[in-house]
Amino acid sequence: MTAGTGSVWELSQADLAIRMILAAALGGLIGIEREWSNHAAGFRTHILVCLGSATIMLMSLYGFSQFVNEPNVQVDPARLAAQVISGIGFLGAGAILRNGDVIKGLTTAASIWTVAAIGLCVGAGFFTGALICTFLVLVSLYMLNKWEKRLLRHRRFCSVEITVSNDHGSLGAIASVFMERRMQISALKINPVSGGTGNERELRLEIKLKSVRQDALVEAVEEIGMLDVVKKIETAGLNAAEAKRAG
């Protein structure tokens, strides 16, 4: 497809529409996978980012064509594109969430940044690069995600926060529950809970477990929750159905 009939700085209306539609379609393909996986930035967000990037690239290339022949004007088509790459980070930062030691949203943030690059490619007419990039992103998000989960299924970690009364033997009772199910404690932090005094003082135990099976974790949480010394228990690492059961 040619950029235009008269000059490299000209673009037909049909070519303009094709590029913008293609950008929306490619961004939507990646967005569907994120939407299917219930991530914060999904179908519409990826479409808007890709389409917006393509539009900015088109404006940078062809929006100032009337000034090209001016003797005192220098046209730099890469300036607006560079601002897209650096400025798209605010959306990625909004997709990253942290809950204790668990950080979520990094892959979605990376996909948003990559979608912006795809949009710039489509806007500049670099269709082959845009299509190859879209294909590789989909392979990475869908196929490699399954392979990664299978490869690292034995290296799963889970965080458990337990608020207990400051009684003698409370930590030993909780640790014994995990040991009975062969759950290895890889890290332990003990923090006092403000507001308590004397024997009524409470402690917050931050426990990180290694190589945790979901069913064993649910059983351990249920048993620990029935201990008299336990005031509150929170877990990071259970899916929705198992968390409801444990709660």
C-alpha atoms as a PDB file:
ATOM      1  CA  MET A   1       0.000   0.000   0.000  1.00  0.00           C
ATOM      2  CA  THR A   2       1.438   3.373  -0.959  1.00  0.00           C
ATOM      3  CA  ALA A   3       1.375   6.369   1.319  1.00  0.00           C
ATOM      4  CA  GLY A   4      -0.097   8.619  -1.327  1.00  0.00           C
ATOM      5  CA  THR A   5      -0.128   9.537  -4.995  1.00  0.00           C
ATOM      6  CA  GLY A   6       1.579  12.923  -5.068  1.00  0.00           C
ATOM      7  CA  SER A   7       4.092  12.877  -2.230  1.00  0.00           C
ATOM      8  CA  VAL A   8       5.329  10.870   0.732  1.00  0.00           C
ATOM      9  CA  TRP A   9       3.703  13.563   2.887  1.00  0.00           C
ATOM     10  CA  GLU A  10       0.242  12.850   1.481  1.00  0.00           C
ATOM     11  CA  LEU A  11      -2.198  10.070   2.395  1.00  0.00           C
ATOM     12  CA  SER A  12      -5.519   9.200   0.802  1.00  0.00           C
ATOM     13  CA  GLN A  13      -8.685   9.124   2.886  1.00  0.00           C
ATOM     14  CA  ALA A  14      -9.094   5.390   2.217  1.00  0.00           C
ATOM     15  CA  ASP A  15      -5.567   4.609   3.429  1.00  0.00           C
ATOM     16  CA  LEU A  16      -6.152   6.749   6.500  1.00  0.00           C
ATOM     17  CA  ALA A  17      -9.315   4.825   7.401  1.00  0.00           C
ATOM     18  CA  ILE A  18      -7.646   1.448   6.771  1.00  0.00           C
ATOM     19  CA  ARG A  19      -4.772   2.246   9.102  1.00  0.00           C
ATOM     20  CA  MET A  20      -7.029   3.441  11.922  1.00  0.00           C
ATOM     21  CA  ILE A  21      -9.373   0.436  11.589  1.00  0.00           C
ATOM     22  CA  LEU A  22      -6.406  -1.964  11.534  1.00  0.00           C
ATOM     23  CA  ALA A  23      -4.963  -0.352  14.662  1.00  0.00           C
ATOM     24  CA  ALA A  24      -8.282  -0.754  16.482  1.00  0.00           C
ATOM     25  CA  ALA A  25      -8.536  -4.388  15.362  1.00  0.00           C
ATOM     26  CA  LEU A  26      -5.002  -5.345  16.446  1.00  0.00           C
ATOM     27  CA  GLY A  27      -5.358  -3.594  19.788  1.00  0.00           C
ATOM     28  CA  GLY A  28      -8.722  -5.290  20.306  1.00  0.00           C
ATOM     29  CA  LEU A  29      -7.211  -8.740  19.717  1.00  0.00           C
ATOM     30  CA  ILE A  30      -4.755  -8.245  22.572  1.00  0.00           C
ATOM     31  CA  GLY A  31      -7.433  -6.595  24.700  1.00  0.00           C
ATOM     32  CA  ILE A  32      -9.731  -9.611  24.345  1.00  0.00           C
ATOM     33  CA  GLU A  33      -7.115 -11.844  25.985  1.00  0.00           C
ATOM     34  CA  ARG A  34      -6.689  -9.403  28.878  1.00  0.00           C
ATOM     35  CA  GLU A  35     -10.478  -9.088  29.231  1.00  0.00           C
ATOM     36  CA  TRP A  36     -10.858 -12.874  29.215  1.00  0.00           C
ATOM     37  CA  SER A  37      -8.306 -13.093  32.040  1.00  0.00           C
ATOM     38  CA  ASN A  38     -10.232 -10.497  34.110  1.00  0.00           C
ATOM     39  CA  HIS A  39      -7.507  -7.868  34.174  1.00  0.00           C
ATOM     40  CA  ALA A  40      -8.036  -4.176  34.869  1.00  0.00           C
ATOM     41  CA  ALA A  41      -7.148  -2.959  31.373  1.00  0.00           C
ATOM     42  CA  GLY A  42      -9.171  -4.976  28.893  1.00  0.00           C
ATOM     43  CA  PHE A  43     -10.786  -4.856  25.466  1.00  0.00           C
ATOM     44  CA  ARG A  44     -11.762  -1.187  25.169  1.00  0.00           C
ATOM     45  CA  THR A  45      -8.627   0.134  26.880  1.00  0.00           C
ATOM     46  CA  HIS A  46      -6.310  -1.652  24.448  1.00  0.00           C
ATOM     47  CA  ILE A  47      -8.380  -0.501  21.464  1.00  0.00           C
ATOM     48  CA  LEU A  48      -8.213   3.120  22.604  1.00  0.00           C
ATOM     49  CA  VAL A  49      -4.478   2.999  23.289  1.00  0.00           C
ATOM     50  CA  CYS A  50      -3.657   1.408  19.931  1.00  0.00           C
ATOM     51  CA  LEU A  51      -6.041   3.646  17.987  1.00  0.00           C
ATOM     52  CA  GLY A  52      -4.811   6.761  19.780  1.00  0.00           C
ATOM     53  CA  SER A  53      -1.185   5.886  19.091  1.00  0.00           C
ATOM     54  CA  ALA A  54      -1.939   5.285  15.411  1.00  0.00           C
ATOM     55  CA  THR A  55      -3.786   8.596  15.188  1.00  0.00           C
ATOM     56  CA  ILE A  56      -0.887  10.490  16.755  1.00  0.00           C
ATOM     57  CA  MET A  57       1.551   8.785  14.393  1.00  0.00           C
ATOM     58  CA  LEU A  58      -0.622   9.690  11.403  1.00  0.00           C
ATOM     59  CA  MET A  59      -0.846  13.283  12.559  1.00  0.00           C
ATOM     60  CA  SER A  60       2.916  13.400  13.058  1.00  0.00           C
ATOM     61  CA  LEU A  61       3.513  12.083   9.528  1.00  0.00           C
ATOM     62  CA  TYR A  62       0.779  13.775   7.541  1.00  0.00           C
ATOM     63  CA  GLY A  63      -0.837  16.409   9.754  1.00  0.00           C
ATOM     64  CA  PHE A  64       1.763  19.042   9.012  1.00  0.00           C
ATOM     65  CA  SER A  65       2.231  18.383   5.296  1.00  0.00           C
ATOM     66  CA  GLN A  66       1.193  21.950   4.426  1.00  0.00           C
ATOM     67  CA  PHE A  67       4.280  23.269   6.211  1.00  0.00           C
ATOM     68  CA  VAL A  68       6.817  20.915   4.586  1.00  0.00           C
ATOM     69  CA  ASN A  69       7.775  23.340   1.821  1.00  0.00           C
ATOM     70  CA  GLU A  70       8.187  26.299   4.157  1.00  0.00           C
ATOM     71  CA  PRO A  71      11.873  27.329   4.207  1.00  0.00           C
ATOM     72  CA  ASN A  72      12.043  27.990   7.967  1.00  0.00           C
ATOM     73  CA  VAL A  73      10.134  24.887   9.110  1.00  0.00           C
ATOM     74  CA  GLN A  74      11.740  21.584  10.046  1.00  0.00           C
ATOM     75  CA  VAL A  75       9.435  18.555  10.150  1.00  0.00           C
ATOM     76  CA  ASP A  76      10.341  15.695  12.504  1.00  0.00           C
ATOM     77  CA  PRO A  77       7.803  12.826  12.247  1.00  0.00           C
ATOM     78  CA  ALA A  78       9.362  11.014  15.228  1.00  0.00           C
ATOM     79  CA  ARG A  79       8.777  13.713  17.844  1.00  0.00           C
ATOM     80  CA  LEU A  80       5.135  12.924  18.635  1.00  0.00           C
ATOM     81  CA  ALA A  81       5.814   9.187  18.478  1.00  0.00           C
ATOM     82  CA  ALA A  82       8.555   9.561  21.086  1.00  0.00           C
ATOM     83  CA  GLN A  83       6.129  11.323  23.417  1.00  0.00           C
ATOM     84  CA  VAL A  84       3.657   8.443  23.082  1.00  0.00           C
ATOM     85  CA  ILE A  85       6.248   5.880  24.135  1.00  0.00           C
ATOM     86  CA  SER A  86       7.273   7.863  27.225  1.00  0.00           C
ATOM     87  CA  GLY A  87       3.810   9.156  28.093  1.00  0.00           C
ATOM     88  CA  ILE A  88       1.870   5.889  27.927  1.00  0.00           C
ATOM     89  CA  GLY A  89       3.436   4.883  31.234  1.00  0.00           C
ATOM     90  CA  PHE A  90       0.643   6.533  33.250  1.00  0.00           C
ATOM     91  CA  LEU A  91      -1.803   3.880  32.047  1.00  0.00           C
ATOM     92  CA  GLY A  92       0.621   1.097  32.833  1.00  0.00           C
ATOM     93  CA  ALA A  93       1.206   2.466  36.320  1.00  0.00           C
ATOM     94  CA  GLY A  94      -2.542   2.482  36.922  1.00  0.00           C
ATOM     95  CA  ALA A  95      -2.762  -1.203  36.031  1.00  0.00           C
ATOM     96  CA  ILE A  96      -0.091  -2.271  38.550  1.00  0.00           C
ATOM     97  CA  LEU A  97      -1.461  -3.230  41.961  1.00  0.00           C
ATOM     98  CA  ARG A  98       0.406  -4.313  45.080  1.00  0.00           C
ATOM     99  CA  ASN A  99      -1.056  -6.381  47.891  1.00  0.00           C
ATOM    100  CA  GLY A 100       1.654  -7.068  50.441  1.00  0.00           C
ATOM    101  CA  ASP A 101       4.371  -9.059  48.703  1.00  0.00           C
ATOM    102  CA  VAL A 102       2.136  -9.818  45.713  1.00  0.00           C
ATOM    103  CA  ILE A 103       2.396  -7.484  42.720  1.00  0.00           C
ATOM    104  CA  LYS A 104      -0.188  -7.780  39.963  1.00  0.00           C
ATOM    105  CA  GLY A 105      -0.671  -6.002  36.666  1.00  0.00           C
ATOM    106  CA  LEU A 106       2.892  -5.950  35.326  1.00  0.00           C
ATOM    107  CA  THR A 107       1.956  -8.028  32.280  1.00  0.00           C
ATOM    108  CA  THR A 108      -1.069  -5.854  31.561  1.00  0.00           C
ATOM    109  CA  ALA A 109       1.063  -2.718  31.874  1.00  0.00           C
ATOM    110  CA  ALA A 110       3.569  -4.211  29.433  1.00  0.00           C
ATOM    111  CA  SER A 111       0.785  -5.139  27.000  1.00  0.00           C
ATOM    112  CA  ILE A 112      -0.526  -1.550  27.069  1.00  0.00           C
ATOM    113  CA  TRP A 113       2.937  -0.214  26.281  1.00  0.00           C
ATOM    114  CA  THR A 114       3.347  -2.752  23.456  1.00  0.00           C
ATOM    115  CA  VAL A 115      -0.089  -1.922  22.042  1.00  0.00           C
ATOM    116  CA  ALA A 116       1.008   1.711  21.840  1.00  0.00           C
ATOM    117  CA  ALA A 117       4.014   0.591  19.783  1.00  0.00           C
ATOM    118  CA  ILE A 118       1.732  -1.443  17.516  1.00  0.00           C
ATOM    119  CA  GLY A 119      -0.437   1.605  16.983  1.00  0.00           C
ATOM    120  CA  LEU A 120       2.598   3.673  16.018  1.00  0.00           C
ATOM    121  CA  CYS A 121       3.645   0.978  13.540  1.00  0.00           C
ATOM    122  CA  VAL A 122       0.208   0.926  11.917  1.00  0.00           C
ATOM    123  CA  GLY A 123       0.091   4.710  11.774  1.00  0.00           C
ATOM    124  CA  ALA A 124       3.471   4.826  10.077  1.00  0.00           C
ATOM    125  CA  GLY A 125       2.463   2.136   7.565  1.00  0.00           C
ATOM    126  CA  PHE A 126       4.801  -0.489   9.019  1.00  0.00           C
ATOM    127  CA  PHE A 127       2.109  -3.171   8.713  1.00  0.00           C
ATOM    128  CA  THR A 128       4.382  -6.221   8.713  1.00  0.00           C
ATOM    129  CA  GLY A 129       5.976  -5.201  11.989  1.00  0.00           C
ATOM    130  CA  ALA A 130       2.579  -4.478  13.551  1.00  0.00           C
ATOM    131  CA  LEU A 131       1.137  -7.857  12.528  1.00  0.00           C
ATOM    132  CA  ILE A 132       4.190  -9.830  13.676  1.00  0.00           C
ATOM    133  CA  CYS A 133       4.251  -7.960  16.990  1.00  0.00           C
ATOM    134  CA  THR A 134       0.530  -8.613  17.567  1.00  0.00           C
ATOM    135  CA  PHE A 135       0.977 -12.312  16.844  1.00  0.00           C
ATOM    136  CA  LEU A 136       3.941 -12.629  19.216  1.00  0.00           C
ATOM    137  CA  VAL A 137       2.120 -10.717  21.975  1.00  0.00           C
ATOM    138  CA  LEU A 138      -0.869 -13.059  21.704  1.00  0.00           C
ATOM    139  CA  VAL A 139       1.436 -16.082  21.823  1.00  0.00           C
ATOM    140  CA  SER A 140       3.178 -14.659  24.890  1.00  0.00           C
ATOM    141  CA  LEU A 141      -0.034 -13.804  26.749  1.00  0.00           C
ATOM    142  CA  TYR A 142      -1.958 -16.977  25.971  1.00  0.00           C
ATOM    143  CA  MET A 143       0.344 -19.905  25.152  1.00  0.00           C
ATOM    144  CA  LEU A 144       3.424 -18.954  27.167  1.00  0.00           C
ATOM    145  CA  ASN A 145       1.229 -18.077  30.143  1.00  0.00           C
ATOM    146  CA  LYS A 146       0.034 -21.698  30.332  1.00  0.00           C
ATOM    147  CA  TRP A 147       3.559 -23.002  29.876  1.00  0.00           C
ATOM    148  CA  GLU A 148       4.857 -20.707  32.626  1.00  0.00           C
ATOM    149  CA  LYS A 149       2.192 -21.854  35.097  1.00  0.00           C
ATOM    150  CA  ARG A 150       2.988 -25.495  34.392  1.00  0.00           C
ATOM    151  CA  LEU A 151       6.734 -24.909  34.702  1.00  0.00           C
ATOM    152  CA  LEU A 152       6.481 -23.003  37.985  1.00  0.00           C
ATOM    153  CA  ARG A 153       3.647 -24.931  39.613  1.00  0.00           C
ATOM    154  CA  HIS A 154       6.074 -26.405  42.152  1.00  0.00           C
ATOM    155  CA  ARG A 155       7.497 -22.992  43.054  1.00  0.00           C
ATOM    156  CA  ARG A 156       4.240 -21.378  44.126  1.00  0.00           C
ATOM    157  CA  PHE A 157       4.342 -19.044  47.114  1.00  0.00           C
ATOM    158  CA  CYS A 158       1.487 -17.864  49.277  1.00  0.00           C
ATOM    159  CA  SER A 159       1.274 -15.134  51.907  1.00  0.00           C
ATOM    160  CA  VAL A 160      -0.838 -15.498  55.053  1.00  0.00           C
ATOM    161  CA  GLU A 161      -1.451 -12.711  57.571  1.00  0.00           C
ATOM    162  CA  ILE A 162      -2.759 -13.830  60.958  1.00  0.00           C
ATOM    163  CA  THR A 163      -3.692 -11.596  63.879  1.00  0.00           C
ATOM    164  CA  VAL A 164      -3.362 -13.480  67.173  1.00  0.00           C
ATOM    165  CA  SER A 165      -3.549 -12.681  70.863  1.00  0.00           C
ATOM    166  CA  ASN A 166      -0.178 -12.427  72.554  1.00  0.00           C
ATOM    167  CA  ASP A 167      -0.479 -15.746  74.333  1.00  0.00           C
ATOM    168  CA  HIS A 168       2.306 -18.193  75.045  1.00  0.00           C
ATOM    169  CA  GLY A 169       2.362 -20.954  72.450  1.00  0.00           C
ATOM    170  CA  SER A 170       0.151 -19.247  69.854  1.00  0.00           C
ATOM    171  CA  LEU A 171       2.930 -19.194  67.246  1.00  0.00           C
ATOM    172  CA  GLY A 172       3.778 -22.842  67.898  1.00  0.00           C
ATOM    173  CA  ALA A 173       0.142 -23.896  67.470  1.00  0.00           C
ATOM    174  CA  ILE A 174      -0.078 -22.156  64.097  1.00  0.00           C
ATOM    175  CA  ALA A 175       3.277 -23.497  62.901  1.00  0.00           C
ATOM    176  CA  SER A 176       2.275 -27.042  63.811  1.00  0.00           C
ATOM    177  CA  VAL A 177      -0.795 -26.795  61.574  1.00  0.00           C
ATOM    178  CA  PHE A 178       1.396 -25.937  58.585  1.00  0.00           C
ATOM    179  CA  MET A 179       3.950 -28.619  59.466  1.00  0.00           C
ATOM    180  CA  GLU A 180       1.290 -31.319  59.667  1.00  0.00           C
ATOM    181  CA  ARG A 181       0.463 -30.618  56.012  1.00  0.00           C
ATOM    182  CA  ARG A 182       4.132 -30.391  54.985  1.00  0.00           C
ATOM    183  CA  MET A 183       3.850 -26.704  54.180  1.00  0.00           C
ATOM    184  CA  GLN A 184       7.240 -24.996  54.377  1.00  0.00           C
ATOM    185  CA  ILE A 185       7.461 -21.543  55.985  1.00  0.00           C
ATOM    186  CA  SER A 186      10.017 -19.547  53.979  1.00  0.00           C
ATOM    187  CA  ALA A 187       9.636 -16.212  55.826  1.00  0.00           C
ATOM    188  CA  LEU A 188       8.030 -14.976  59.026  1.00  0.00           C
ATOM    189  CA  LYS A 189       7.502 -11.445  60.350  1.00  0.00           C
ATOM    190  CA  ILE A 190       5.984 -10.625  63.733  1.00  0.00           C
ATOM    191  CA  ASN A 191       4.598  -7.110  64.239  1.00  0.00           C
ATOM    192  CA  PRO A 192       2.742  -5.795  67.284  1.00  0.00           C
ATOM    193  CA  VAL A 193      -0.760  -4.457  66.692  1.00  0.00           C
ATOM    194  CA  SER A 194      -1.151  -0.950  68.094  1.00  0.00           C
ATOM    195  CA  GLY A 195      -3.864  -0.336  70.659  1.00  0.00           C
ATOM    196  CA  GLY A 196      -3.332  -3.355  72.896  1.00  0.00           C
ATOM    197  CA  THR A 197      -1.682  -3.403  76.316  1.00  0.00           C
ATOM    198  CA  GLY A 198      -0.534  -6.107  78.704  1.00  0.00           C
ATOM    199  CA  ASN A 199      -1.830  -9.595  78.085  1.00  0.00           C
ATOM    200  CA  GLU A 200      -4.438  -8.285  75.647  1.00  0.00           C
ATOM    201  CA  ARG A 201      -1.811  -7.112  73.196  1.00  0.00           C
ATOM    202  CA  GLU A 202      -2.200  -8.613  69.734  1.00  0.00           C
ATOM    203  CA  LEU A 203       0.406  -9.640  67.199  1.00  0.00           C
ATOM    204  CA  ARG A 204       0.261  -9.737  63.403  1.00  0.00           C
ATOM    205  CA  LEU A 205       2.065 -12.692  61.878  1.00  0.00           C
ATOM    206  CA  GLU A 206       3.105 -12.312  58.236  1.00  0.00           C
ATOM    207  CA  ILE A 207       3.888 -15.817  56.986  1.00  0.00           C
ATOM    208  CA  LYS A 208       5.187 -16.708  53.534  1.00  0.00           C
ATOM    209  CA  LEU A 209       4.685 -20.325  52.511  1.00  0.00           C
ATOM    210  CA  LYS A 210       6.550 -22.221  49.791  1.00  0.00           C
ATOM    211  CA  SER A 211       5.252 -24.971  47.483  1.00  0.00           C
ATOM    212  CA  VAL A 212       1.649 -24.686  48.599  1.00  0.00           C
ATOM    213  CA  ARG A 213      -1.164 -26.859  47.267  1.00  0.00           C
ATOM    214  CA  GLN A 214      -4.459 -25.038  47.147  1.00  0.00           C
ATOM    215  CA  ASP A 215      -6.435 -27.765  48.927  1.00  0.00           C
ATOM    216  CA  ALA A 216      -3.842 -28.034  51.715  1.00  0.00           C
ATOM    217  CA  LEU A 217      -3.858 -24.261  52.174  1.00  0.00           C
ATOM    218  CA  VAL A 218      -7.642 -24.169  52.478  1.00  0.00           C
ATOM    219  CA  GLU A 219      -7.599 -26.912  55.093  1.00  0.00           C
ATOM    220  CA  ALA A 220      -4.835 -25.174  57.045  1.00  0.00           C
ATOM    221  CA  VAL A 221      -6.650 -21.827  56.984  1.00  0.00           C
ATOM    222  CA  GLU A 222      -9.860 -23.457  58.192  1.00  0.00           C
ATOM    223  CA  GLU A 223      -8.090 -25.202  61.075  1.00  0.00           C
ATOM    224  CA  ILE A 224      -6.103 -22.122  62.088  1.00  0.00           C
ATOM    225  CA  GLY A 225      -9.264 -20.020  62.021  1.00  0.00           C
ATOM    226  CA  MET A 226     -10.800 -22.271  64.678  1.00  0.00           C
ATOM    227  CA  LEU A 227      -7.955 -21.672  67.153  1.00  0.00           C
ATOM    228  CA  ASP A 228      -8.943 -19.547  70.141  1.00  0.00           C
ATOM    229  CA  VAL A 229      -5.857 -17.344  69.853  1.00  0.00           C
ATOM    230  CA  VAL A 230      -6.620 -16.331  66.252  1.00  0.00           C
ATOM    231  CA  LYS A 231      -8.475 -13.038  65.822  1.00  0.00           C
ATOM    232  CA  LYS A 232      -8.196 -12.557  62.065  1.00  0.00           C
ATOM    233  CA  ILE A 233      -6.662 -14.376  59.095  1.00  0.00           C
ATOM    234  CA  GLU A 234      -6.071 -13.180  55.528  1.00  0.00           C
ATOM    235  CA  THR A 235      -4.537 -15.069  52.608  1.00  0.00           C
ATOM    236  CA  ALA A 236      -3.047 -14.109  49.238  1.00  0.00           C
ATOM    237  CA  GLY A 237      -2.815 -17.057  46.870  1.00  0.00           C
ATOM    238  CA  LEU A 238      -6.287 -18.601  46.895  1.00  0.00           C
ATOM    239  CA  ASN A 239      -8.653 -18.386  43.955  1.00  0.00           C
ATOM    240  CA  ALA A 240     -12.099 -16.896  44.511  1.00  0.00           C
ATOM    241  CA  ALA A 241     -13.963 -20.164  45.199  1.00  0.00           C
ATOM    242  CA  GLU A 242     -11.366 -21.472  47.632  1.00  0.00           C
ATOM    243  CA  ALA A 243     -11.080 -18.130  49.435  1.00  0.00           C
ATOM    244  CA  LYS A 244     -14.849 -18.123  49.971  1.00  0.00           C
ATOM    245  CA  ARG A 245     -14.687 -21.656  51.336  1.00  0.00           C
ATOM    246  CA  ALA A 246     -11.833 -20.808  53.685  1.00  0.00           C
ATOM    247  CA  GLY A 247     -13.612 -17.681  54.869  1.00  0.00           C
END
